[in-house]
Every structure is written in C-alpha cells, then in structure tokens.
Amino acid sequence: MISYYSTYQSTAKIDIQRLVEKLKALNSTKGEEWEKIMEYWDYVNTDMNVNVDVLPDGLPNDDSLCITVLGFALNDDGTMKDELVGRLQTDLQVLKNIQMLM
C-alpha cells in the first residue's frame, strides 16, 4: 500500500481506503494498524513540516544537538547524485553556521 501510495499519491487514497476496509472485515486489528500507518504516511507526505535548507529556530546551542544527514544511492559509475550532493552541501553550511555560534 505504501508503494502504491508513493506512486499514485492522492488518486491512490480511495483505493487504499477500500483495501483497508476489506482488511478490517477480515482482521479488525490488522486493518486498524494499516489504517494508522497509512494516515501517518499521508501526514508525512502532505502536512509534516520538513526543514530542507536550514535548521529550525530554537534548537540547543550546545553539544546536545545531533543532526542526521540521510544518504542517497550513488550513480552507476560511483559518483554522487545531485540529491546527495545537495544534502551534504546543506549539512556543511549548517555545520559552519553552528561553529560560528559557538
């Protein structure tokens, strides 16, 4: 269902709701679990605030701050894809900004 949602997004919602209802009829516990999973997946893909280029205000200014940079698949020739380069460039800029604050 997640893969289907990822591919078809808003047009998949009706189909997924139908599948979840069928699953609930077969197994109410599993159906409710999948309903919650898909509701959260929809939230993450539509309403969740994601900071891409900057850190949000109000973060601690000490060594308790931890930033995780997600990787990305490499090109077939071993070079980095633009997505990964962008992530690393953003992380480098954030690190420089943090160092200036300390």
PDB file of N, CA and C in Angstrom:
ATOM      1  N   MET A   1       0.812  -1.183   0.000  1.00  0.00           N
ATOM      2  CA  MET A   1       0.000   0.000   0.000  1.00  0.00           C
ATOM      3  C   MET A   1       0.861   1.256   0.000  1.00  0.00           C
ATOM      4  N   ILE A   2       1.963   1.214   0.738  1.00  0.00           N
ATOM      5  CA  ILE A   2       2.846   2.380   0.788  1.00  0.00           C
ATOM      6  C   ILE A   2       3.459   2.638  -0.584  1.00  0.00           C
ATOM      7  N   SER A   3       3.892   1.593  -1.240  1.00  0.00           N
ATOM      8  CA  SER A   3       4.457   1.742  -2.582  1.00  0.00           C
ATOM      9  C   SER A   3       3.419   2.286  -3.556  1.00  0.00           C
ATOM     10  N   TYR A   4       2.219   1.780  -3.464  1.00  0.00           N
ATOM     11  CA  TYR A   4       1.129   2.244  -4.322  1.00  0.00           C
ATOM     12  C   TYR A   4       0.840   3.717  -4.055  1.00  0.00           C
ATOM     13  N   TYR A   5       0.789   4.089  -2.774  1.00  0.00           N
ATOM     14  CA  TYR A   5       0.564   5.488  -2.409  1.00  0.00           C
ATOM     15  C   TYR A   5       1.686   6.361  -2.953  1.00  0.00           C
ATOM     16  N   SER A   6       2.926   5.913  -2.791  1.00  0.00           N
ATOM     17  CA  SER A   6       4.070   6.699  -3.246  1.00  0.00           C
ATOM     18  C   SER A   6       4.011   6.954  -4.744  1.00  0.00           C
ATOM     19  N   THR A   7       3.516   5.986  -5.482  1.00  0.00           N
ATOM     20  CA  THR A   7       3.450   6.113  -6.935  1.00  0.00           C
ATOM     21  C   THR A   7       2.283   6.971  -7.388  1.00  0.00           C
ATOM     22  N   TYR A   8       1.120   6.774  -6.773  1.00  0.00           N
ATOM     23  CA  TYR A   8      -0.099   7.428  -7.267  1.00  0.00           C
ATOM     24  C   TYR A   8      -0.668   8.508  -6.357  1.00  0.00           C
ATOM     25  N   GLN A   9      -0.068   8.719  -5.180  1.00  0.00           N
ATOM     26  CA  GLN A   9      -0.432   9.760  -4.221  1.00  0.00           C
ATOM     27  C   GLN A   9      -1.941   9.928  -4.036  1.00  0.00           C
ATOM     28  N   SER A  10      -2.462  11.102  -4.350  1.00  0.00           N
ATOM     29  CA  SER A  10      -3.854  11.413  -3.996  1.00  0.00           C
ATOM     30  C   SER A  10      -4.861  10.510  -4.694  1.00  0.00           C
ATOM     31  N   THR A  11      -4.559  10.055  -5.899  1.00  0.00           N
ATOM     32  CA  THR A  11      -5.506   9.172  -6.578  1.00  0.00           C
ATOM     33  C   THR A  11      -5.539   7.788  -5.937  1.00  0.00           C
ATOM     34  N   ALA A  12      -4.514   7.461  -5.174  1.00  0.00           N
ATOM     35  CA  ALA A  12      -4.460   6.150  -4.524  1.00  0.00           C
ATOM     36  C   ALA A  12      -5.247   6.117  -3.223  1.00  0.00           C
ATOM     37  N   LYS A  13      -5.558   7.263  -2.663  1.00  0.00           N
ATOM     38  CA  LYS A  13      -6.217   7.296  -1.344  1.00  0.00           C
ATOM     39  C   LYS A  13      -7.517   6.498  -1.318  1.00  0.00           C
ATOM     40  N   ILE A  14      -8.337   6.660  -2.329  1.00  0.00           N
ATOM     41  CA  ILE A  14      -9.624   5.952  -2.361  1.00  0.00           C
ATOM     42  C   ILE A  14      -9.406   4.447  -2.432  1.00  0.00           C
ATOM     43  N   ASP A  15      -8.494   4.015  -3.287  1.00  0.00           N
ATOM     44  CA  ASP A  15      -8.194   2.578  -3.395  1.00  0.00           C
ATOM     45  C   ASP A  15      -7.655   2.029  -2.085  1.00  0.00           C
ATOM     46  N   ILE A  16      -6.781   2.778  -1.443  1.00  0.00           N
ATOM     47  CA  ILE A  16      -6.189   2.323  -0.182  1.00  0.00           C
ATOM     48  C   ILE A  16      -7.251   2.262   0.912  1.00  0.00           C
ATOM     49  N   GLN A  17      -8.131   3.249   0.965  1.00  0.00           N
ATOM     50  CA  GLN A  17      -9.218   3.207   1.950  1.00  0.00           C
ATOM     51  C   GLN A  17     -10.084   1.967   1.743  1.00  0.00           C
ATOM     52  N   ARG A  18     -10.341   1.640   0.481  1.00  0.00           N
ATOM     53  CA  ARG A  18     -11.133   0.452   0.159  1.00  0.00           C
ATOM     54  C   ARG A  18     -10.408  -0.816   0.636  1.00  0.00           C
ATOM     55  N   LEU A  19      -9.115  -0.888   0.393  1.00  0.00           N
ATOM     56  CA  LEU A  19      -8.333  -2.050   0.830  1.00  0.00           C
ATOM     57  C   LEU A  19      -8.316  -2.167   2.351  1.00  0.00           C
ATOM     58  N   VAL A  20      -8.137  -1.044   3.031  1.00  0.00           N
ATOM     59  CA  VAL A  20      -8.112  -1.061   4.497  1.00  0.00           C
ATOM     60  C   VAL A  20      -9.456  -1.543   5.041  1.00  0.00           C
ATOM     61  N   GLU A  21     -10.550  -1.109   4.446  1.00  0.00           N
ATOM     62  CA  GLU A  21     -11.879  -1.563   4.897  1.00  0.00           C
ATOM     63  C   GLU A  21     -12.036  -3.071   4.689  1.00  0.00           C
ATOM     64  N   LYS A  22     -11.545  -3.586   3.567  1.00  0.00           N
ATOM     65  CA  LYS A  22     -11.604  -5.040   3.327  1.00  0.00           C
ATOM     66  C   LYS A  22     -10.750  -5.783   4.352  1.00  0.00           C
ATOM     67  N   LEU A  23      -9.577  -5.230   4.658  1.00  0.00           N
ATOM     68  CA  LEU A  23      -8.701  -5.849   5.640  1.00  0.00           C
ATOM     69  C   LEU A  23      -9.353  -5.832   7.023  1.00  0.00           C
ATOM     70  N   LYS A  24      -9.996  -4.738   7.371  1.00  0.00           N
ATOM     71  CA  LYS A  24     -10.703  -4.658   8.652  1.00  0.00           C
ATOM     72  C   LYS A  24     -11.778  -5.729   8.765  1.00  0.00           C
ATOM     73  N   ALA A  25     -12.463  -6.002   7.651  1.00  0.00           N
ATOM     74  CA  ALA A  25     -13.506  -7.025   7.653  1.00  0.00           C
ATOM     75  C   ALA A  25     -12.909  -8.411   7.899  1.00  0.00           C
ATOM     76  N   LEU A  26     -11.696  -8.633   7.406  1.00  0.00           N
ATOM     77  CA  LEU A  26     -11.021  -9.922   7.591  1.00  0.00           C
ATOM     78  C   LEU A  26     -10.333 -10.016   8.945  1.00  0.00           C
ATOM     79  N   ASN A  27      -9.704  -8.906   9.367  1.00  0.00           N
ATOM     80  CA  ASN A  27      -8.947  -8.888  10.613  1.00  0.00           C
ATOM     81  C   ASN A  27      -8.954  -7.451  11.126  1.00  0.00           C
ATOM     82  N   SER A  28      -9.813  -7.164  12.073  1.00  0.00           N
ATOM     83  CA  SER A  28     -10.006  -5.784  12.522  1.00  0.00           C
ATOM     84  C   SER A  28      -8.731  -5.170  13.097  1.00  0.00           C
ATOM     85  N   THR A  29      -7.939  -5.964  13.810  1.00  0.00           N
ATOM     86  CA  THR A  29      -6.704  -5.442  14.405  1.00  0.00           C
ATOM     87  C   THR A  29      -5.726  -5.013  13.319  1.00  0.00           C
ATOM     88  N   LYS A  30      -5.489  -5.895  12.362  1.00  0.00           N
ATOM     89  CA  LYS A  30      -4.566  -5.564  11.267  1.00  0.00           C
ATOM     90  C   LYS A  30      -5.097  -4.405  10.425  1.00  0.00           C
ATOM     91  N   GLY A  31      -6.394  -4.394  10.205  1.00  0.00           N
ATOM     92  CA  GLY A  31      -6.986  -3.308   9.438  1.00  0.00           C
ATOM     93  C   GLY A  31      -6.794  -1.963  10.110  1.00  0.00           C
ATOM     94  N   GLU A  32      -6.994  -1.926  11.420  1.00  0.00           N
ATOM     95  CA  GLU A  32      -6.799  -0.682  12.165  1.00  0.00           C
ATOM     96  C   GLU A  32      -5.333  -0.274  12.185  1.00  0.00           C
ATOM     97  N   GLU A  33      -4.428  -1.251  12.290  1.00  0.00           N
ATOM     98  CA  GLU A  33      -2.993  -0.932  12.245  1.00  0.00           C
ATOM     99  C   GLU A  33      -2.630  -0.304  10.911  1.00  0.00           C
ATOM    100  N   TRP A  34      -3.095  -0.901   9.827  1.00  0.00           N
ATOM    101  CA  TRP A  34      -2.785  -0.361   8.499  1.00  0.00           C
ATOM    102  C   TRP A  34      -3.459   0.982   8.258  1.00  0.00           C
ATOM    103  N   GLU A  35      -4.607   1.176   8.840  1.00  0.00           N
ATOM    104  CA  GLU A  35      -5.264   2.479   8.717  1.00  0.00           C
ATOM    105  C   GLU A  35      -4.400   3.565   9.371  1.00  0.00           C
ATOM    106  N   LYS A  36      -3.870   3.282  10.558  1.00  0.00           N
ATOM    107  CA  LYS A  36      -2.995   4.234  11.248  1.00  0.00           C
ATOM    108  C   LYS A  36      -1.703   4.462  10.465  1.00  0.00           C
ATOM    109  N   ILE A  37      -1.136   3.387   9.928  1.00  0.00           N
ATOM    110  CA  ILE A  37       0.090   3.517   9.134  1.00  0.00           C
ATOM    111  C   ILE A  37      -0.145   4.433   7.945  1.00  0.00           C
ATOM    112  N   MET A  38      -1.228   4.208   7.227  1.00  0.00           N
ATOM    113  CA  MET A  38      -1.494   4.997   6.029  1.00  0.00           C
ATOM    114  C   MET A  38      -1.874   6.437   6.366  1.00  0.00           C
ATOM    115  N   GLU A  39      -2.554   6.650   7.497  1.00  0.00           N
ATOM    116  CA  GLU A  39      -2.855   8.015   7.929  1.00  0.00           C
ATOM    117  C   GLU A  39      -1.567   8.762   8.226  1.00  0.00           C
ATOM    118  N   TYR A  40      -0.636   8.104   8.909  1.00  0.00           N
ATOM    119  CA  TYR A  40       0.650   8.749   9.222  1.00  0.00           C
ATOM    120  C   TYR A  40       1.448   8.986   7.947  1.00  0.00           C
ATOM    121  N   TRP A  41       1.457   8.026   7.049  1.00  0.00           N
ATOM    122  CA  TRP A  41       2.170   8.154   5.781  1.00  0.00           C
ATOM    123  C   TRP A  41       1.631   9.348   4.996  1.00  0.00           C
ATOM    124  N   ASP A  42       0.320   9.524   5.004  1.00  0.00           N
ATOM    125  CA  ASP A  42      -0.293  10.657   4.326  1.00  0.00           C
ATOM    126  C   ASP A  42       0.133  11.969   4.987  1.00  0.00           C
ATOM    127  N   TYR A  43       0.139  12.011   6.313  1.00  0.00           N
ATOM    128  CA  TYR A  43       0.577  13.200   7.049  1.00  0.00           C
ATOM    129  C   TYR A  43       2.019  13.556   6.695  1.00  0.00           C
ATOM    130  N   VAL A  44       2.892  12.571   6.701  1.00  0.00           N
ATOM    131  CA  VAL A  44       4.310  12.811   6.390  1.00  0.00           C
ATOM    132  C   VAL A  44       4.471  13.374   4.983  1.00  0.00           C
ATOM    133  N   ASN A  45       3.665  12.913   4.058  1.00  0.00           N
ATOM    134  CA  ASN A  45       3.796  13.334   2.663  1.00  0.00           C
ATOM    135  C   ASN A  45       3.005  14.591   2.323  1.00  0.00           C
ATOM    136  N   THR A  46       2.185  15.098   3.247  1.00  0.00           N
ATOM    137  CA  THR A  46       1.386  16.276   2.919  1.00  0.00           C
ATOM    138  C   THR A  46       1.573  17.418   3.909  1.00  0.00           C
ATOM    139  N   ASP A  47       1.405  17.165   5.197  1.00  0.00           N
ATOM    140  CA  ASP A  47       1.346  18.245   6.188  1.00  0.00           C
ATOM    141  C   ASP A  47       2.572  18.385   7.080  1.00  0.00           C
ATOM    142  N   MET A  48       3.411  17.380   7.160  1.00  0.00           N
ATOM    143  CA  MET A  48       4.547  17.414   8.075  1.00  0.00           C
ATOM    144  C   MET A  48       5.544  18.489   7.647  1.00  0.00           C
ATOM    145  N   ASN A  49       5.975  19.290   8.607  1.00  0.00           N
ATOM    146  CA  ASN A  49       6.956  20.329   8.327  1.00  0.00           C
ATOM    147  C   ASN A  49       8.341  19.705   8.204  1.00  0.00           C
ATOM    148  N   VAL A  50       8.992  19.928   7.074  1.00  0.00           N
ATOM    149  CA  VAL A  50      10.331  19.395   6.839  1.00  0.00           C
ATOM    150  C   VAL A  50      11.262  20.558   6.544  1.00  0.00           C
ATOM    151  N   ASN A  51      12.333  20.669   7.314  1.00  0.00           N
ATOM    152  CA  ASN A  51      13.330  21.707   7.075  1.00  0.00           C
ATOM    153  C   ASN A  51      14.375  21.159   6.127  1.00  0.00           C
ATOM    154  N   VAL A  52      14.459  21.755   4.941  1.00  0.00           N
ATOM    155  CA  VAL A  52      15.352  21.233   3.918  1.00  0.00           C
ATOM    156  C   VAL A  52      16.681  21.986   3.885  1.00  0.00           C
ATOM    157  N   ASP A  53      16.627  23.303   3.876  1.00  0.00           N
ATOM    158  CA  ASP A  53      17.844  24.090   3.682  1.00  0.00           C
ATOM    159  C   ASP A  53      18.381  24.731   4.950  1.00  0.00           C
ATOM    160  N   VAL A  54      17.591  24.779   6.008  1.00  0.00           N
ATOM    161  CA  VAL A  54      18.015  25.449   7.235  1.00  0.00           C
ATOM    162  C   VAL A  54      17.498  24.676   8.439  1.00  0.00           C
ATOM    163  N   LEU A  55      18.137  24.905   9.562  1.00  0.00           N
ATOM    164  CA  LEU A  55      17.645  24.338  10.815  1.00  0.00           C
ATOM    165  C   LEU A  55      16.546  25.228  11.367  1.00  0.00           C
ATOM    166  N   PRO A  56      15.575  24.662  12.060  1.00  0.00           N
ATOM    167  CA  PRO A  56      14.537  25.496  12.672  1.00  0.00           C
ATOM    168  C   PRO A  56      15.116  26.305  13.831  1.00  0.00           C
ATOM    169  N   ASP A  57      14.475  27.399  14.161  1.00  0.00           N
ATOM    170  CA  ASP A  57      14.897  28.225  15.294  1.00  0.00           C
ATOM    171  C   ASP A  57      14.638  27.491  16.597  1.00  0.00           C
ATOM    172  N   GLY A  58      15.376  27.892  17.625  1.00  0.00           N
ATOM    173  CA  GLY A  58      15.125  27.393  18.964  1.00  0.00           C
ATOM    174  C   GLY A  58      15.822  26.091  19.322  1.00  0.00           C
ATOM    175  N   LEU A  59      16.738  25.625  18.490  1.00  0.00           N
ATOM    176  CA  LEU A  59      17.459  24.394  18.818  1.00  0.00           C
ATOM    177  C   LEU A  59      18.549  24.696  19.841  1.00  0.00           C
ATOM    178  N   PRO A  60      18.965  23.692  20.617  1.00  0.00           N
ATOM    179  CA  PRO A  60      20.016  23.938  21.609  1.00  0.00           C
ATOM    180  C   PRO A  60      21.318  24.368  20.953  1.00  0.00           C
ATOM    181  N   ASN A  61      22.038  25.226  21.648  1.00  0.00           N
ATOM    182  CA  ASN A  61      23.311  25.733  21.134  1.00  0.00           C
ATOM    183  C   ASN A  61      24.461  25.122  21.939  1.00  0.00           C
ATOM    184  N   ASP A  62      24.422  23.805  22.074  1.00  0.00           N
ATOM    185  CA  ASP A  62      25.475  23.098  22.792  1.00  0.00           C
ATOM    186  C   ASP A  62      25.682  21.727  22.155  1.00  0.00           C
ATOM    187  N   ASP A  63      26.452  20.877  22.812  1.00  0.00           N
ATOM    188  CA  ASP A  63      26.785  19.592  22.203  1.00  0.00           C
ATOM    189  C   ASP A  63      25.661  18.555  22.313  1.00  0.00           C
ATOM    190  N   SER A  64      24.472  18.971  22.753  1.00  0.00           N
ATOM    191  CA  SER A  64      23.346  18.035  22.782  1.00  0.00           C
ATOM    192  C   SER A  64      22.627  17.971  21.435  1.00  0.00           C
ATOM    193  N   LEU A  65      22.933  18.899  20.527  1.00  0.00           N
ATOM    194  CA  LEU A  65      22.308  18.914  19.205  1.00  0.00           C
ATOM    195  C   LEU A  65      22.922  17.828  18.327  1.00  0.00           C
ATOM    196  N   CYS A  66      22.063  17.046  17.711  1.00  0.00           N
ATOM    197  CA  CYS A  66      22.511  15.995  16.806  1.00  0.00           C
ATOM    198  C   CYS A  66      21.773  16.150  15.485  1.00  0.00           C
ATOM    199  N   ILE A  67      22.504  16.197  14.393  1.00  0.00           N
ATOM    200  CA  ILE A  67      21.910  16.344  13.064  1.00  0.00           C
ATOM    201  C   ILE A  67      22.234  15.082  12.274  1.00  0.00           C
ATOM    202  N   THR A  68      21.219  14.508  11.660  1.00  0.00           N
ATOM    203  CA  THR A  68      21.394  13.322  10.838  1.00  0.00           C
ATOM    204  C   THR A  68      21.186  13.692   9.383  1.00  0.00           C
ATOM    205  N   VAL A  69      22.154  13.360   8.554  1.00  0.00           N
ATOM    206  CA  VAL A  69      22.051  13.603   7.118  1.00  0.00           C
ATOM    207  C   VAL A  69      21.817  12.260   6.447  1.00  0.00           C
ATOM    208  N   LEU A  70      20.721  12.156   5.746  1.00  0.00           N
ATOM    209  CA  LEU A  70      20.414  10.904   5.069  1.00  0.00           C
ATOM    210  C   LEU A  70      21.266  10.763   3.818  1.00  0.00           C
ATOM    211  N   GLY A  71      21.682   9.561   3.543  1.00  0.00           N
ATOM    212  CA  GLY A  71      22.455   9.282   2.336  1.00  0.00           C
ATOM    213  C   GLY A  71      21.558   9.182   1.118  1.00  0.00           C
ATOM    214  N   PHE A  72      22.132   8.739   0.028  1.00  0.00           N
ATOM    215  CA  PHE A  72      21.373   8.567  -1.210  1.00  0.00           C
ATOM    216  C   PHE A  72      22.186   7.639  -2.097  1.00  0.00           C
ATOM    217  N   ALA A  73      21.516   6.892  -2.942  1.00  0.00           N
ATOM    218  CA  ALA A  73      22.202   5.953  -3.828  1.00  0.00           C
ATOM    219  C   ALA A  73      23.187   6.694  -4.735  1.00  0.00           C
ATOM    220  N   LEU A  74      24.268   6.038  -5.059  1.00  0.00           N
ATOM    221  CA  LEU A  74      25.251   6.606  -5.979  1.00  0.00           C
ATOM    222  C   LEU A  74      24.868   6.285  -7.416  1.00  0.00           C
ATOM    223  N   ASN A  75      25.427   7.040  -8.335  1.00  0.00           N
ATOM    224  CA  ASN A  75      25.282   6.711  -9.752  1.00  0.00           C
ATOM    225  C   ASN A  75      25.999   5.405 -10.034  1.00  0.00           C
ATOM    226  N   ASP A  76      25.712   4.790 -11.155  1.00  0.00           N
ATOM    227  CA  ASP A  76      26.345   3.513 -11.520  1.00  0.00           C
ATOM    228  C   ASP A  76      27.866   3.612 -11.575  1.00  0.00           C
ATOM    229  N   ASP A  77      28.386   4.789 -11.914  1.00  0.00           N
ATOM    230  CA  ASP A  77      29.842   4.950 -12.001  1.00  0.00           C
ATOM    231  C   ASP A  77      30.484   5.315 -10.662  1.00  0.00           C
ATOM    232  N   GLY A  78      29.684   5.340  -9.590  1.00  0.00           N
ATOM    233  CA  GLY A  78      30.211   5.609  -8.256  1.00  0.00           C
ATOM    234  C   GLY A  78      30.189   7.073  -7.853  1.00  0.00           C
ATOM    235  N   THR A  79      29.827   7.963  -8.747  1.00  0.00           N
ATOM    236  CA  THR A  79      29.739   9.376  -8.399  1.00  0.00           C
ATOM    237  C   THR A  79      28.437   9.649  -7.648  1.00  0.00           C
ATOM    238  N   MET A  80      28.426  10.785  -6.954  1.00  0.00           N
ATOM    239  CA  MET A  80      27.236  11.129  -6.160  1.00  0.00           C
ATOM    240  C   MET A  80      26.154  11.751  -7.030  1.00  0.00           C
ATOM    241  N   LYS A  81      24.912  11.386  -6.717  1.00  0.00           N
ATOM    242  CA  LYS A  81      23.769  12.003  -7.388  1.00  0.00           C
ATOM    243  C   LYS A  81      23.554  13.393  -6.807  1.00  0.00           C
ATOM    244  N   ASP A  82      22.893  14.247  -7.579  1.00  0.00           N
ATOM    245  CA  ASP A  82      22.650  15.624  -7.155  1.00  0.00           C
ATOM    246  C   ASP A  82      21.942  15.696  -5.810  1.00  0.00           C
ATOM    247  N   GLU A  83      21.034  14.766  -5.554  1.00  0.00           N
ATOM    248  CA  GLU A  83      20.303  14.728  -4.280  1.00  0.00           C
ATOM    249  C   GLU A  83      21.273  14.620  -3.105  1.00  0.00           C
ATOM    250  N   LEU A  84      22.247  13.738  -3.202  1.00  0.00           N
ATOM    251  CA  LEU A  84      23.225  13.551  -2.133  1.00  0.00           C
ATOM    252  C   LEU A  84      24.139  14.761  -2.022  1.00  0.00           C
ATOM    253  N   VAL A  85      24.581  15.283  -3.142  1.00  0.00           N
ATOM    254  CA  VAL A  85      25.447  16.466  -3.131  1.00  0.00           C
ATOM    255  C   VAL A  85      24.732  17.615  -2.418  1.00  0.00           C
ATOM    256  N   GLY A  86      23.464  17.822  -2.746  1.00  0.00           N
ATOM    257  CA  GLY A  86      22.694  18.886  -2.106  1.00  0.00           C
ATOM    258  C   GLY A  86      22.572  18.693  -0.607  1.00  0.00           C
ATOM    259  N   ARG A  87      22.336  17.473  -0.180  1.00  0.00           N
ATOM    260  CA  ARG A  87      22.221  17.190   1.249  1.00  0.00           C
ATOM    261  C   ARG A  87      23.529  17.483   1.969  1.00  0.00           C
ATOM    262  N   LEU A  88      24.619  17.062   1.375  1.00  0.00           N
ATOM    263  CA  LEU A  88      25.920  17.280   2.001  1.00  0.00           C
ATOM    264  C   LEU A  88      26.297  18.755   2.020  1.00  0.00           C
ATOM    265  N   GLN A  89      25.968  19.485   0.960  1.00  0.00           N
ATOM    266  CA  GLN A  89      26.247  20.923   0.931  1.00  0.00           C
ATOM    267  C   GLN A  89      25.435  21.652   2.008  1.00  0.00           C
ATOM    268  N   THR A  90      24.174  21.268   2.163  1.00  0.00           N
ATOM    269  CA  THR A  90      23.338  21.876   3.199  1.00  0.00           C
ATOM    270  C   THR A  90      23.905  21.573   4.572  1.00  0.00           C
ATOM    271  N   ASP A  91      24.313  20.327   4.810  1.00  0.00           N
ATOM    272  CA  ASP A  91      24.884  19.942   6.094  1.00  0.00           C
ATOM    273  C   ASP A  91      26.164  20.726   6.374  1.00  0.00           C
ATOM    274  N   LEU A  92      27.000  20.894   5.376  1.00  0.00           N
ATOM    275  CA  LEU A  92      28.245  21.646   5.556  1.00  0.00           C
ATOM    276  C   LEU A  92      27.940  23.087   5.952  1.00  0.00           C
ATOM    277  N   GLN A  93      26.963  23.707   5.299  1.00  0.00           N
ATOM    278  CA  GLN A  93      26.594  25.085   5.634  1.00  0.00           C
ATOM    279  C   GLN A  93      26.032  25.174   7.048  1.00  0.00           C
ATOM    280  N   VAL A  94      25.198  24.205   7.435  1.00  0.00           N
ATOM    281  CA  VAL A  94      24.652  24.180   8.790  1.00  0.00           C
ATOM    282  C   VAL A  94      25.785  24.057   9.802  1.00  0.00           C
ATOM    283  N   LEU A  95      26.731  23.178   9.547  1.00  0.00           N
ATOM    284  CA  LEU A  95      27.875  22.993  10.446  1.00  0.00           C
ATOM    285  C   LEU A  95      28.667  24.287  10.587  1.00  0.00           C
ATOM    286  N   LYS A  96      28.904  24.971   9.485  1.00  0.00           N
ATOM    287  CA  LYS A  96      29.628  26.251   9.537  1.00  0.00           C
ATOM    288  C   LYS A  96      28.857  27.267  10.367  1.00  0.00           C
ATOM    289  N   ASN A  97      27.538  27.323  10.192  1.00  0.00           N
ATOM    290  CA  ASN A  97      26.723  28.256  10.966  1.00  0.00           C
ATOM    291  C   ASN A  97      26.751  27.943  12.459  1.00  0.00           C
ATOM    292  N   ILE A  98      26.719  26.668  12.805  1.00  0.00           N
ATOM    293  CA  ILE A  98      26.767  26.264  14.207  1.00  0.00           C
ATOM    294  C   ILE A  98      28.115  26.628  14.808  1.00  0.00           C
ATOM    295  N   GLN A  99      29.182  26.397  14.070  1.00  0.00           N
ATOM    296  CA  GLN A  99      30.514  26.713  14.571  1.00  0.00           C
ATOM    297  C   GLN A  99      30.675  28.213  14.820  1.00  0.00           C
ATOM    298  N   MET A 100      30.027  29.030  13.993  1.00  0.00           N
ATOM    299  CA  MET A 100      30.098  30.476  14.175  1.00  0.00           C
ATOM    300  C   MET A 100      29.374  30.897  15.455  1.00  0.00           C
ATOM    301  N   LEU A 101      28.332  30.151  15.831  1.00  0.00           N
ATOM    302  CA  LEU A 101      27.561  30.481  17.016  1.00  0.00           C
ATOM    303  C   LEU A 101      28.273  30.092  18.307  1.00  0.00           C
ATOM    304  N   MET A 102      29.137  29.108  18.233  1.00  0.00           N
ATOM    305  CA  MET A 102      29.788  28.598  19.455  1.00  0.00           C
ATOM    306  C   MET A 102      31.037  29.366  19.780  1.00  0.00           C
TER     307      MET A 102
END
